[in-house]
Amino acid sequence: MSSPTDPNEGTSGVDCPAGPFETDLATIRAAAPRHPPDVQDQQTADFDVPIEISRITDGGVSFFRGGLMNEGATTWYAFDAGRQLLVAVLATAGDRATSVPSSEKLSPTQLVRYTTAAGHRRAEFVTVAVASPAHVRQFACLANSLLHSLPADACRPLPADAIAKRFSLLHAGQTIYTSGGKPSVPIEGEIERCIKQPLQGQILSAL
């Protein structure tokens, strides 16, 4: 649980209140991973929801399933607060499943695997990066601020299969906030950018 902090130490102009996500930098640093993430041990994982996403118990997940021009594309961008990792899984099925990076372009924290658990053959391009302590705190400040800004009934989760785009916050294995479609409040968009932007350079360099 976070301790109260000086609002002036927040990020992107928002306060940094206490909440379910830890904001104390000393505590965050003490929990930082000692070694780079080993993604290769999940090379043979075959699950409907990628294991890098399903194992998250604390953090945030942005999900998108394509339609029309993007049919066959499914993406997850996530922040795993417990492991202090940023995660992207770009999945493609059908004709799109052949449009994946070659192994020569992948970094040690990326992999491409093929799965069938979703009921069809799917290629999954996985990218994982360690979040800096400052970035971990940035996410926590934004997420706690979002939760503080909402009425209690705004945190009721939506059905998991009801929408093609959704953003969720998780704590202790429970979904504590979910919205579908466009961000319901501006700070939600800030959280999604906080998760996605640090991964873009590594993803684009492999494509």
N, C-alpha and C. Protein backbone atom coordinates (compact mmCIF):
# COMPACT_ATOMS: atom_id res chain seq x y z
N MET A 1 0.84 -1.19 0.00
CA MET A 1 0.00 0.00 0.00
C MET A 1 0.88 1.24 0.00
N SER A 2 0.50 2.23 -0.74
CA SER A 2 1.30 3.43 -0.86
C SER A 2 1.16 4.28 0.39
N SER A 3 2.18 5.11 0.62
CA SER A 3 2.12 6.09 1.68
C SER A 3 1.85 7.44 1.06
N PRO A 4 1.22 8.39 1.80
CA PRO A 4 0.94 9.70 1.22
C PRO A 4 2.23 10.37 0.77
N THR A 5 2.18 11.07 -0.34
CA THR A 5 3.35 11.75 -0.86
C THR A 5 2.99 13.17 -1.21
N ASP A 6 4.01 13.98 -1.43
CA ASP A 6 3.83 15.37 -1.81
C ASP A 6 3.20 15.42 -3.19
N PRO A 7 2.04 16.08 -3.35
CA PRO A 7 1.42 16.15 -4.67
C PRO A 7 2.34 16.73 -5.73
N ASN A 8 3.28 17.58 -5.31
CA ASN A 8 4.19 18.18 -6.28
C ASN A 8 5.16 17.16 -6.88
N GLU A 9 5.22 15.95 -6.28
CA GLU A 9 6.11 14.92 -6.79
C GLU A 9 5.40 14.02 -7.77
N GLY A 10 4.17 14.36 -8.13
CA GLY A 10 3.41 13.55 -9.08
C GLY A 10 3.97 13.68 -10.48
N THR A 11 3.23 13.17 -11.44
CA THR A 11 3.70 13.19 -12.81
C THR A 11 2.61 13.69 -13.72
N SER A 12 3.00 14.30 -14.83
CA SER A 12 2.06 14.79 -15.84
C SER A 12 1.04 15.74 -15.24
N GLY A 13 1.43 16.46 -14.19
CA GLY A 13 0.54 17.46 -13.63
C GLY A 13 -0.53 16.90 -12.71
N VAL A 14 -0.48 15.60 -12.37
CA VAL A 14 -1.48 15.03 -11.49
C VAL A 14 -0.87 14.82 -10.12
N ASP A 15 -1.74 14.74 -9.10
CA ASP A 15 -1.28 14.44 -7.76
C ASP A 15 -0.82 12.99 -7.70
N CYS A 16 -0.13 12.66 -6.60
CA CYS A 16 0.33 11.28 -6.42
C CYS A 16 -0.21 10.78 -5.08
N PRO A 17 -1.49 10.45 -5.03
CA PRO A 17 -2.11 10.07 -3.77
C PRO A 17 -1.80 8.65 -3.35
N ALA A 18 -2.08 8.35 -2.09
CA ALA A 18 -2.01 6.97 -1.63
C ALA A 18 -3.09 6.16 -2.33
N GLY A 19 -2.84 4.87 -2.46
CA GLY A 19 -3.80 4.01 -3.13
C GLY A 19 -3.28 2.60 -3.20
N PRO A 20 -3.89 1.75 -4.00
CA PRO A 20 -3.44 0.36 -4.07
C PRO A 20 -2.08 0.16 -4.72
N PHE A 21 -1.61 1.15 -5.50
CA PHE A 21 -0.33 1.01 -6.18
C PHE A 21 0.75 1.80 -5.45
N GLU A 22 1.87 1.13 -5.21
CA GLU A 22 2.97 1.68 -4.42
C GLU A 22 3.61 2.88 -5.11
N THR A 23 3.79 3.99 -4.36
CA THR A 23 4.41 5.18 -4.91
C THR A 23 5.71 5.57 -4.21
N ASP A 24 6.06 4.89 -3.13
CA ASP A 24 7.28 5.23 -2.41
C ASP A 24 8.49 4.71 -3.18
N LEU A 25 9.36 5.63 -3.60
CA LEU A 25 10.48 5.25 -4.47
C LEU A 25 11.44 4.27 -3.79
N ALA A 26 11.68 4.43 -2.49
CA ALA A 26 12.59 3.52 -1.80
C ALA A 26 12.03 2.10 -1.81
N THR A 27 10.74 1.96 -1.59
CA THR A 27 10.11 0.64 -1.62
C THR A 27 10.13 0.06 -3.02
N ILE A 28 9.88 0.92 -4.00
CA ILE A 28 9.91 0.47 -5.40
C ILE A 28 11.30 -0.01 -5.78
N ARG A 29 12.32 0.75 -5.42
CA ARG A 29 13.70 0.37 -5.74
C ARG A 29 14.07 -0.95 -5.07
N ALA A 30 13.63 -1.15 -3.84
CA ALA A 30 13.97 -2.37 -3.10
C ALA A 30 13.36 -3.60 -3.76
N ALA A 31 12.24 -3.41 -4.47
CA ALA A 31 11.55 -4.53 -5.11
C ALA A 31 11.94 -4.69 -6.58
N ALA A 32 12.85 -3.87 -7.06
CA ALA A 32 13.21 -3.90 -8.48
C ALA A 32 13.83 -5.23 -8.86
N PRO A 33 13.57 -5.73 -10.05
CA PRO A 33 14.16 -7.02 -10.47
C PRO A 33 15.67 -6.93 -10.55
N ARG A 34 16.34 -8.00 -10.14
CA ARG A 34 17.81 -8.04 -10.12
C ARG A 34 18.41 -8.44 -11.45
N HIS A 35 17.61 -9.06 -12.31
CA HIS A 35 18.12 -9.55 -13.58
C HIS A 35 17.14 -9.19 -14.69
N PRO A 36 17.61 -9.08 -15.93
CA PRO A 36 16.71 -8.82 -17.04
C PRO A 36 15.68 -9.94 -17.16
N PRO A 37 14.49 -9.63 -17.66
CA PRO A 37 13.47 -10.68 -17.80
C PRO A 37 13.89 -11.74 -18.80
N ASP A 38 13.61 -12.99 -18.49
CA ASP A 38 13.90 -14.11 -19.39
C ASP A 38 12.61 -14.50 -20.08
N VAL A 39 12.43 -14.04 -21.30
CA VAL A 39 11.19 -14.34 -22.01
C VAL A 39 11.25 -15.69 -22.71
N GLN A 40 12.45 -16.20 -22.95
CA GLN A 40 12.58 -17.42 -23.75
C GLN A 40 11.98 -18.64 -23.06
N ASP A 41 11.84 -18.63 -21.73
CA ASP A 41 11.27 -19.79 -21.05
C ASP A 41 9.77 -19.93 -21.32
N GLN A 42 9.17 -18.92 -21.98
CA GLN A 42 7.75 -18.99 -22.34
C GLN A 42 7.57 -19.23 -23.85
N GLN A 43 8.63 -19.69 -24.50
CA GLN A 43 8.56 -19.89 -25.95
C GLN A 43 7.46 -20.87 -26.35
N THR A 44 7.21 -21.89 -25.53
CA THR A 44 6.22 -22.91 -25.89
C THR A 44 4.88 -22.70 -25.20
N ALA A 45 4.69 -21.61 -24.49
CA ALA A 45 3.41 -21.35 -23.81
C ALA A 45 2.28 -21.26 -24.84
N ASP A 46 1.15 -21.87 -24.52
CA ASP A 46 0.02 -21.90 -25.45
C ASP A 46 -1.27 -21.67 -24.66
N PHE A 47 -1.68 -20.41 -24.57
CA PHE A 47 -2.87 -20.05 -23.80
C PHE A 47 -3.72 -19.08 -24.59
N ASP A 48 -5.02 -19.08 -24.31
CA ASP A 48 -5.93 -18.14 -24.96
C ASP A 48 -5.49 -16.71 -24.68
N VAL A 49 -5.24 -16.39 -23.40
CA VAL A 49 -4.65 -15.11 -23.02
C VAL A 49 -3.17 -15.36 -22.75
N PRO A 50 -2.27 -14.66 -23.43
CA PRO A 50 -0.84 -14.91 -23.27
C PRO A 50 -0.42 -14.91 -21.81
N ILE A 51 0.49 -15.80 -21.44
CA ILE A 51 0.88 -15.95 -20.05
C ILE A 51 1.49 -14.67 -19.48
N GLU A 52 2.16 -13.89 -20.32
CA GLU A 52 2.74 -12.63 -19.83
C GLU A 52 1.66 -11.67 -19.34
N ILE A 53 0.43 -11.85 -19.86
CA ILE A 53 -0.70 -11.02 -19.45
C ILE A 53 -1.50 -11.67 -18.33
N SER A 54 -1.79 -12.95 -18.48
CA SER A 54 -2.67 -13.63 -17.52
C SER A 54 -2.06 -13.74 -16.13
N ARG A 55 -0.73 -13.71 -16.02
CA ARG A 55 -0.11 -13.84 -14.71
C ARG A 55 -0.04 -12.51 -13.94
N ILE A 56 -0.47 -11.43 -14.56
CA ILE A 56 -0.44 -10.14 -13.88
C ILE A 56 -1.54 -10.09 -12.81
N THR A 57 -1.15 -9.82 -11.58
CA THR A 57 -2.12 -9.68 -10.49
C THR A 57 -2.23 -8.23 -10.03
N ASP A 58 -1.22 -7.43 -10.30
CA ASP A 58 -1.23 -6.01 -9.96
C ASP A 58 -0.67 -5.24 -11.15
N GLY A 59 -1.44 -4.26 -11.64
CA GLY A 59 -0.98 -3.47 -12.76
C GLY A 59 -2.11 -3.01 -13.65
N GLY A 60 -1.79 -2.80 -14.91
CA GLY A 60 -2.78 -2.33 -15.87
C GLY A 60 -2.64 -3.06 -17.19
N VAL A 61 -3.78 -3.28 -17.87
CA VAL A 61 -3.78 -3.99 -19.15
C VAL A 61 -4.66 -3.24 -20.14
N SER A 62 -4.10 -2.96 -21.30
CA SER A 62 -4.85 -2.37 -22.41
C SER A 62 -5.02 -3.44 -23.47
N PHE A 63 -6.27 -3.73 -23.85
CA PHE A 63 -6.58 -4.82 -24.77
C PHE A 63 -7.30 -4.27 -25.99
N PHE A 64 -6.95 -4.81 -27.16
CA PHE A 64 -7.63 -4.41 -28.40
C PHE A 64 -7.77 -5.62 -29.31
N ARG A 65 -8.98 -5.85 -29.84
CA ARG A 65 -9.22 -6.88 -30.85
C ARG A 65 -9.70 -6.20 -32.11
N GLY A 66 -9.00 -6.41 -33.20
CA GLY A 66 -9.29 -5.71 -34.44
C GLY A 66 -10.53 -6.21 -35.15
N GLY A 67 -11.06 -5.37 -36.00
CA GLY A 67 -12.20 -5.71 -36.84
C GLY A 67 -12.04 -5.02 -38.18
N LEU A 68 -12.80 -5.46 -39.17
CA LEU A 68 -12.73 -4.87 -40.50
C LEU A 68 -11.30 -4.89 -41.03
N MET A 69 -10.67 -3.72 -41.14
CA MET A 69 -9.32 -3.65 -41.71
C MET A 69 -8.28 -4.31 -40.81
N ASN A 70 -8.56 -4.42 -39.50
CA ASN A 70 -7.61 -5.01 -38.56
C ASN A 70 -8.03 -6.41 -38.13
N GLU A 71 -8.90 -7.05 -38.89
CA GLU A 71 -9.37 -8.38 -38.49
C GLU A 71 -8.19 -9.34 -38.37
N GLY A 72 -8.19 -10.12 -37.31
CA GLY A 72 -7.12 -11.08 -37.06
C GLY A 72 -6.05 -10.55 -36.15
N ALA A 73 -6.10 -9.25 -35.84
CA ALA A 73 -5.09 -8.65 -34.96
C ALA A 73 -5.65 -8.49 -33.54
N THR A 74 -4.88 -8.89 -32.56
CA THR A 74 -5.23 -8.72 -31.15
C THR A 74 -3.99 -8.23 -30.43
N THR A 75 -4.12 -7.20 -29.62
CA THR A 75 -2.95 -6.67 -28.91
C THR A 75 -3.24 -6.51 -27.43
N TRP A 76 -2.21 -6.77 -26.66
CA TRP A 76 -2.22 -6.48 -25.24
C TRP A 76 -0.99 -5.63 -24.93
N TYR A 77 -1.19 -4.52 -24.26
CA TYR A 77 -0.10 -3.75 -23.66
C TYR A 77 -0.36 -3.73 -22.17
N ALA A 78 0.67 -3.99 -21.38
CA ALA A 78 0.42 -4.13 -19.95
C ALA A 78 1.60 -3.65 -19.12
N PHE A 79 1.27 -3.26 -17.90
CA PHE A 79 2.28 -2.97 -16.89
C PHE A 79 2.08 -3.98 -15.77
N ASP A 80 3.11 -4.79 -15.52
CA ASP A 80 3.09 -5.78 -14.45
C ASP A 80 3.78 -5.17 -13.24
N ALA A 81 2.96 -4.65 -12.30
CA ALA A 81 3.53 -3.92 -11.17
C ALA A 81 4.32 -4.84 -10.25
N GLY A 82 3.86 -6.08 -10.08
CA GLY A 82 4.56 -7.00 -9.20
C GLY A 82 5.96 -7.33 -9.68
N ARG A 83 6.14 -7.43 -10.98
CA ARG A 83 7.45 -7.75 -11.56
C ARG A 83 8.15 -6.51 -12.10
N GLN A 84 7.48 -5.37 -12.06
CA GLN A 84 8.00 -4.10 -12.58
C GLN A 84 8.43 -4.25 -14.05
N LEU A 85 7.51 -4.79 -14.84
CA LEU A 85 7.78 -5.02 -16.26
C LEU A 85 6.72 -4.34 -17.13
N LEU A 86 7.16 -3.88 -18.29
CA LEU A 86 6.27 -3.42 -19.34
C LEU A 86 6.18 -4.54 -20.36
N VAL A 87 4.98 -4.84 -20.83
CA VAL A 87 4.76 -5.99 -21.70
C VAL A 87 3.90 -5.60 -22.90
N ALA A 88 4.27 -6.08 -24.07
CA ALA A 88 3.44 -5.96 -25.26
C ALA A 88 3.34 -7.32 -25.91
N VAL A 89 2.12 -7.72 -26.24
CA VAL A 89 1.91 -8.94 -27.01
C VAL A 89 1.06 -8.55 -28.22
N LEU A 90 1.65 -8.64 -29.40
CA LEU A 90 0.97 -8.32 -30.65
C LEU A 90 0.66 -9.64 -31.34
N ALA A 91 -0.61 -10.01 -31.35
CA ALA A 91 -1.01 -11.31 -31.88
C ALA A 91 -1.71 -11.14 -33.22
N THR A 92 -1.44 -12.07 -34.13
CA THR A 92 -2.06 -12.03 -35.45
C THR A 92 -2.51 -13.44 -35.82
N ALA A 93 -3.64 -13.50 -36.53
CA ALA A 93 -4.18 -14.79 -36.96
C ALA A 93 -4.53 -14.73 -38.44
N GLY A 94 -4.80 -15.87 -39.03
CA GLY A 94 -5.15 -15.90 -40.44
C GLY A 94 -3.98 -15.47 -41.31
N ASP A 95 -4.27 -14.72 -42.35
CA ASP A 95 -3.22 -14.27 -43.27
C ASP A 95 -2.20 -13.38 -42.57
N ARG A 96 -2.65 -12.68 -41.53
CA ARG A 96 -1.74 -11.78 -40.82
C ARG A 96 -0.69 -12.52 -40.00
N ALA A 97 -0.93 -13.80 -39.74
CA ALA A 97 -0.02 -14.56 -38.88
C ALA A 97 1.35 -14.77 -39.51
N THR A 98 1.48 -14.46 -40.79
CA THR A 98 2.78 -14.58 -41.45
C THR A 98 3.59 -13.30 -41.35
N SER A 99 2.95 -12.22 -40.87
CA SER A 99 3.64 -10.92 -40.79
C SER A 99 4.24 -10.73 -39.40
N VAL A 100 5.29 -11.46 -39.12
CA VAL A 100 5.96 -11.39 -37.82
C VAL A 100 7.44 -11.11 -38.03
N PRO A 101 8.11 -10.57 -37.03
CA PRO A 101 9.54 -10.27 -37.19
C PRO A 101 10.36 -11.55 -37.36
N SER A 102 11.45 -11.44 -38.08
CA SER A 102 12.37 -12.56 -38.20
C SER A 102 13.18 -12.67 -36.91
N SER A 103 13.63 -13.87 -36.61
CA SER A 103 14.35 -14.11 -35.36
C SER A 103 15.62 -13.28 -35.27
N GLU A 104 16.22 -12.95 -36.42
CA GLU A 104 17.47 -12.17 -36.41
C GLU A 104 17.26 -10.76 -35.88
N LYS A 105 16.03 -10.25 -35.97
CA LYS A 105 15.77 -8.89 -35.53
C LYS A 105 15.34 -8.79 -34.07
N LEU A 106 15.09 -9.93 -33.43
CA LEU A 106 14.57 -9.91 -32.07
C LEU A 106 15.68 -9.64 -31.05
N SER A 107 15.35 -8.86 -30.04
CA SER A 107 16.27 -8.63 -28.93
C SER A 107 16.14 -9.79 -27.94
N PRO A 108 17.02 -9.88 -26.93
CA PRO A 108 16.92 -10.96 -25.94
C PRO A 108 15.63 -10.93 -25.12
N THR A 109 14.92 -9.81 -25.12
CA THR A 109 13.67 -9.74 -24.36
C THR A 109 12.45 -9.74 -25.28
N GLN A 110 12.61 -10.35 -26.45
CA GLN A 110 11.51 -10.51 -27.39
C GLN A 110 11.45 -11.96 -27.88
N LEU A 111 10.27 -12.39 -28.28
CA LEU A 111 10.12 -13.70 -28.90
C LEU A 111 8.90 -13.70 -29.81
N VAL A 112 8.90 -14.65 -30.72
CA VAL A 112 7.73 -14.94 -31.55
C VAL A 112 7.37 -16.39 -31.31
N ARG A 113 6.12 -16.66 -31.01
CA ARG A 113 5.67 -18.04 -30.83
C ARG A 113 4.33 -18.21 -31.53
N TYR A 114 3.96 -19.47 -31.73
CA TYR A 114 2.70 -19.80 -32.40
C TYR A 114 1.84 -20.62 -31.43
N THR A 115 0.57 -20.24 -31.32
CA THR A 115 -0.33 -20.89 -30.38
C THR A 115 -1.61 -21.33 -31.09
N THR A 116 -2.33 -22.24 -30.43
CA THR A 116 -3.62 -22.71 -30.96
C THR A 116 -4.71 -22.68 -29.89
N ALA A 117 -4.40 -22.26 -28.67
CA ALA A 117 -5.34 -22.33 -27.55
C ALA A 117 -6.58 -21.46 -27.78
N ALA A 118 -6.48 -20.43 -28.59
CA ALA A 118 -7.63 -19.55 -28.84
C ALA A 118 -8.59 -20.15 -29.87
N GLY A 119 -8.28 -21.36 -30.34
CA GLY A 119 -9.16 -22.01 -31.30
C GLY A 119 -8.72 -21.86 -32.74
N HIS A 120 -7.62 -21.18 -32.96
CA HIS A 120 -7.06 -21.01 -34.29
C HIS A 120 -5.56 -20.77 -34.15
N ARG A 121 -4.85 -20.92 -35.24
CA ARG A 121 -3.40 -20.69 -35.19
C ARG A 121 -3.14 -19.19 -35.08
N ARG A 122 -2.33 -18.83 -34.12
CA ARG A 122 -2.07 -17.41 -33.85
C ARG A 122 -0.58 -17.20 -33.61
N ALA A 123 -0.03 -16.17 -34.24
CA ALA A 123 1.35 -15.77 -33.99
C ALA A 123 1.36 -14.69 -32.92
N GLU A 124 2.24 -14.82 -31.94
CA GLU A 124 2.34 -13.84 -30.86
C GLU A 124 3.75 -13.26 -30.81
N PHE A 125 3.85 -11.97 -31.02
CA PHE A 125 5.12 -11.25 -30.93
C PHE A 125 5.16 -10.57 -29.57
N VAL A 126 6.06 -11.06 -28.72
CA VAL A 126 6.12 -10.63 -27.32
C VAL A 126 7.34 -9.73 -27.10
N THR A 127 7.12 -8.61 -26.44
CA THR A 127 8.20 -7.71 -26.05
C THR A 127 8.06 -7.39 -24.57
N VAL A 128 9.15 -7.52 -23.84
CA VAL A 128 9.14 -7.25 -22.39
C VAL A 128 10.30 -6.32 -22.07
N ALA A 129 10.06 -5.35 -21.18
CA ALA A 129 11.11 -4.42 -20.77
C ALA A 129 10.97 -4.14 -19.28
N VAL A 130 12.10 -3.99 -18.62
CA VAL A 130 12.09 -3.61 -17.20
C VAL A 130 11.75 -2.14 -17.09
N ALA A 131 10.80 -1.82 -16.23
CA ALA A 131 10.44 -0.42 -15.97
C ALA A 131 11.39 0.17 -14.93
N SER A 132 11.83 1.39 -15.16
CA SER A 132 12.68 2.06 -14.17
C SER A 132 11.84 2.37 -12.93
N PRO A 133 12.48 2.56 -11.77
CA PRO A 133 11.72 2.94 -10.57
C PRO A 133 10.87 4.19 -10.80
N ALA A 134 11.41 5.18 -11.53
CA ALA A 134 10.65 6.40 -11.80
C ALA A 134 9.42 6.09 -12.64
N HIS A 135 9.56 5.16 -13.58
CA HIS A 135 8.42 4.81 -14.43
C HIS A 135 7.38 4.02 -13.64
N VAL A 136 7.83 3.14 -12.76
CA VAL A 136 6.90 2.41 -11.88
C VAL A 136 6.08 3.40 -11.05
N ARG A 137 6.76 4.40 -10.52
CA ARG A 137 6.06 5.39 -9.71
C ARG A 137 5.11 6.22 -10.56
N GLN A 138 5.51 6.55 -11.78
CA GLN A 138 4.64 7.31 -12.67
C GLN A 138 3.33 6.56 -12.89
N PHE A 139 3.43 5.26 -13.20
CA PHE A 139 2.22 4.47 -13.38
C PHE A 139 1.37 4.49 -12.11
N ALA A 140 2.01 4.28 -10.95
CA ALA A 140 1.26 4.21 -9.70
C ALA A 140 0.55 5.53 -9.40
N CYS A 141 1.24 6.64 -9.62
CA CYS A 141 0.62 7.95 -9.38
C CYS A 141 -0.61 8.14 -10.26
N LEU A 142 -0.48 7.80 -11.53
CA LEU A 142 -1.59 7.97 -12.45
C LEU A 142 -2.75 7.02 -12.11
N ALA A 143 -2.43 5.77 -11.83
CA ALA A 143 -3.48 4.79 -11.52
C ALA A 143 -4.21 5.15 -10.23
N ASN A 144 -3.47 5.52 -9.19
CA ASN A 144 -4.12 5.91 -7.94
C ASN A 144 -4.97 7.16 -8.14
N SER A 145 -4.48 8.10 -8.92
CA SER A 145 -5.25 9.32 -9.20
C SER A 145 -6.54 9.01 -9.95
N LEU A 146 -6.45 8.07 -10.91
CA LEU A 146 -7.66 7.67 -11.64
C LEU A 146 -8.69 7.09 -10.68
N LEU A 147 -8.26 6.21 -9.81
CA LEU A 147 -9.20 5.58 -8.88
C LEU A 147 -9.81 6.60 -7.92
N HIS A 148 -9.02 7.60 -7.50
CA HIS A 148 -9.52 8.64 -6.60
C HIS A 148 -10.53 9.54 -7.29
N SER A 149 -10.44 9.65 -8.61
CA SER A 149 -11.30 10.60 -9.33
C SER A 149 -12.66 10.03 -9.69
N LEU A 150 -12.87 8.75 -9.46
CA LEU A 150 -14.09 8.09 -9.93
C LEU A 150 -15.06 7.80 -8.80
N PRO A 151 -16.36 7.85 -9.08
CA PRO A 151 -17.33 7.38 -8.10
C PRO A 151 -17.21 5.88 -7.93
N ALA A 152 -17.66 5.36 -6.82
CA ALA A 152 -17.48 3.94 -6.51
C ALA A 152 -18.08 3.04 -7.57
N ASP A 153 -19.23 3.40 -8.13
CA ASP A 153 -19.88 2.51 -9.08
C ASP A 153 -19.21 2.51 -10.45
N ALA A 154 -18.20 3.37 -10.65
CA ALA A 154 -17.49 3.39 -11.93
C ALA A 154 -16.48 2.26 -12.04
N CYS A 155 -16.20 1.58 -10.93
CA CYS A 155 -15.17 0.55 -10.92
C CYS A 155 -15.72 -0.85 -11.11
N ARG A 156 -17.02 -0.97 -11.42
CA ARG A 156 -17.59 -2.28 -11.64
C ARG A 156 -17.08 -2.84 -12.97
N PRO A 157 -16.48 -4.04 -12.98
CA PRO A 157 -15.91 -4.57 -14.21
C PRO A 157 -16.96 -4.91 -15.25
N LEU A 158 -16.58 -4.77 -16.51
CA LEU A 158 -17.43 -5.15 -17.63
C LEU A 158 -17.20 -6.62 -17.97
N PRO A 159 -18.15 -7.27 -18.63
CA PRO A 159 -17.93 -8.65 -19.06
C PRO A 159 -16.67 -8.73 -19.92
N ALA A 160 -15.87 -9.77 -19.71
CA ALA A 160 -14.56 -9.87 -20.37
C ALA A 160 -14.67 -9.94 -21.88
N ASP A 161 -15.77 -10.50 -22.40
CA ASP A 161 -15.88 -10.67 -23.84
C ASP A 161 -16.85 -9.68 -24.48
N ALA A 162 -17.19 -8.61 -23.76
CA ALA A 162 -18.26 -7.73 -24.24
C ALA A 162 -17.77 -6.70 -25.24
N ILE A 163 -16.48 -6.39 -25.24
CA ILE A 163 -15.99 -5.30 -26.07
C ILE A 163 -14.68 -5.66 -26.74
N ALA A 164 -14.39 -4.96 -27.84
CA ALA A 164 -13.16 -5.22 -28.58
C ALA A 164 -11.99 -4.39 -28.06
N LYS A 165 -12.27 -3.36 -27.26
CA LYS A 165 -11.22 -2.54 -26.69
C LYS A 165 -11.55 -2.25 -25.23
N ARG A 166 -10.61 -2.49 -24.36
CA ARG A 166 -10.86 -2.18 -22.96
C ARG A 166 -9.54 -1.92 -22.24
N PHE A 167 -9.66 -1.20 -21.14
CA PHE A 167 -8.51 -0.94 -20.27
C PHE A 167 -8.90 -1.34 -18.86
N SER A 168 -8.00 -2.04 -18.17
CA SER A 168 -8.30 -2.53 -16.83
C SER A 168 -7.14 -2.27 -15.88
N LEU A 169 -7.48 -2.00 -14.63
CA LEU A 169 -6.52 -1.98 -13.54
C LEU A 169 -6.79 -3.18 -12.64
N LEU A 170 -5.70 -3.84 -12.22
CA LEU A 170 -5.83 -5.01 -11.37
C LEU A 170 -5.04 -4.81 -10.09
N HIS A 171 -5.58 -5.34 -8.99
CA HIS A 171 -4.88 -5.30 -7.71
C HIS A 171 -5.21 -6.56 -6.94
N ALA A 172 -4.17 -7.24 -6.45
CA ALA A 172 -4.33 -8.48 -5.67
C ALA A 172 -5.16 -9.51 -6.44
N GLY A 173 -4.97 -9.55 -7.75
CA GLY A 173 -5.66 -10.53 -8.56
C GLY A 173 -7.09 -10.20 -8.93
N GLN A 174 -7.55 -9.02 -8.53
CA GLN A 174 -8.92 -8.61 -8.81
C GLN A 174 -8.94 -7.40 -9.75
N THR A 175 -9.93 -7.36 -10.65
CA THR A 175 -10.10 -6.20 -11.50
C THR A 175 -10.79 -5.10 -10.69
N ILE A 176 -10.13 -3.96 -10.53
CA ILE A 176 -10.70 -2.89 -9.72
C ILE A 176 -11.19 -1.72 -10.57
N TYR A 177 -10.87 -1.76 -11.86
CA TYR A 177 -11.38 -0.74 -12.78
C TYR A 177 -11.34 -1.28 -14.20
N THR A 178 -12.41 -1.09 -14.94
CA THR A 178 -12.45 -1.48 -16.35
C THR A 178 -13.29 -0.48 -17.12
N SER A 179 -12.83 -0.11 -18.30
CA SER A 179 -13.64 0.72 -19.20
C SER A 179 -13.46 0.20 -20.61
N GLY A 180 -14.45 0.47 -21.46
CA GLY A 180 -14.39 0.02 -22.84
C GLY A 180 -14.42 1.18 -23.80
N GLY A 181 -13.90 0.97 -25.00
CA GLY A 181 -13.91 2.01 -26.01
C GLY A 181 -12.89 3.09 -25.71
N LYS A 182 -13.24 4.33 -26.03
CA LYS A 182 -12.34 5.44 -25.79
C LYS A 182 -12.17 5.66 -24.28
N PRO A 183 -11.00 6.21 -23.85
CA PRO A 183 -10.80 6.47 -22.43
C PRO A 183 -11.95 7.28 -21.85
N SER A 184 -12.46 6.83 -20.69
CA SER A 184 -13.60 7.50 -20.08
C SER A 184 -13.21 8.82 -19.44
N VAL A 185 -11.96 8.96 -19.04
CA VAL A 185 -11.44 10.20 -18.47
C VAL A 185 -10.03 10.42 -19.03
N PRO A 186 -9.57 11.67 -19.13
CA PRO A 186 -8.26 11.92 -19.74
C PRO A 186 -7.11 11.16 -19.09
N ILE A 187 -7.15 11.01 -17.79
CA ILE A 187 -6.03 10.36 -17.12
C ILE A 187 -5.90 8.89 -17.52
N GLU A 188 -7.00 8.27 -17.94
CA GLU A 188 -6.92 6.89 -18.42
C GLU A 188 -6.04 6.82 -19.67
N GLY A 189 -6.20 7.79 -20.57
CA GLY A 189 -5.35 7.85 -21.75
C GLY A 189 -3.89 8.05 -21.38
N GLU A 190 -3.62 8.83 -20.34
CA GLU A 190 -2.24 9.03 -19.88
C GLU A 190 -1.64 7.72 -19.39
N ILE A 191 -2.44 6.93 -18.69
CA ILE A 191 -1.93 5.65 -18.19
C ILE A 191 -1.59 4.73 -19.35
N GLU A 192 -2.45 4.68 -20.36
CA GLU A 192 -2.18 3.83 -21.52
C GLU A 192 -0.92 4.27 -22.24
N ARG A 193 -0.72 5.58 -22.37
CA ARG A 193 0.52 6.06 -23.01
C ARG A 193 1.73 5.72 -22.15
N CYS A 194 1.58 5.80 -20.85
CA CYS A 194 2.66 5.46 -19.92
C CYS A 194 3.11 4.02 -20.13
N ILE A 195 2.16 3.14 -20.44
CA ILE A 195 2.47 1.73 -20.66
C ILE A 195 3.05 1.50 -22.05
N LYS A 196 2.46 2.11 -23.06
CA LYS A 196 2.80 1.79 -24.45
C LYS A 196 4.07 2.45 -24.96
N GLN A 197 4.25 3.74 -24.68
CA GLN A 197 5.32 4.49 -25.33
C GLN A 197 6.71 3.93 -25.10
N PRO A 198 7.07 3.49 -23.89
CA PRO A 198 8.44 2.99 -23.70
C PRO A 198 8.76 1.74 -24.51
N LEU A 199 7.74 1.04 -24.97
CA LEU A 199 7.95 -0.20 -25.71
C LEU A 199 8.06 0.01 -27.22
N GLN A 200 7.65 1.16 -27.70
CA GLN A 200 7.52 1.36 -29.14
C GLN A 200 8.84 1.24 -29.90
N GLY A 201 9.90 1.83 -29.36
CA GLY A 201 11.18 1.77 -30.05
C GLY A 201 11.66 0.35 -30.24
N GLN A 202 11.56 -0.45 -29.21
CA GLN A 202 12.01 -1.85 -29.28
C GLN A 202 11.15 -2.65 -30.26
N ILE A 203 9.83 -2.39 -30.26
CA ILE A 203 8.94 -3.09 -31.18
C ILE A 203 9.25 -2.72 -32.62
N LEU A 204 9.35 -1.41 -32.88
CA LEU A 204 9.56 -0.96 -34.26
C LEU A 204 10.90 -1.42 -34.82
N SER A 205 11.90 -1.55 -33.96
CA SER A 205 13.21 -1.96 -34.44
C SER A 205 13.21 -3.42 -34.91
N ALA A 206 12.21 -4.19 -34.48
CA ALA A 206 12.15 -5.60 -34.87
C ALA A 206 11.23 -5.83 -36.07
N LEU A 207 10.41 -4.84 -36.39
CA LEU A 207 9.45 -5.02 -37.49
C LEU A 207 10.05 -4.67 -38.85
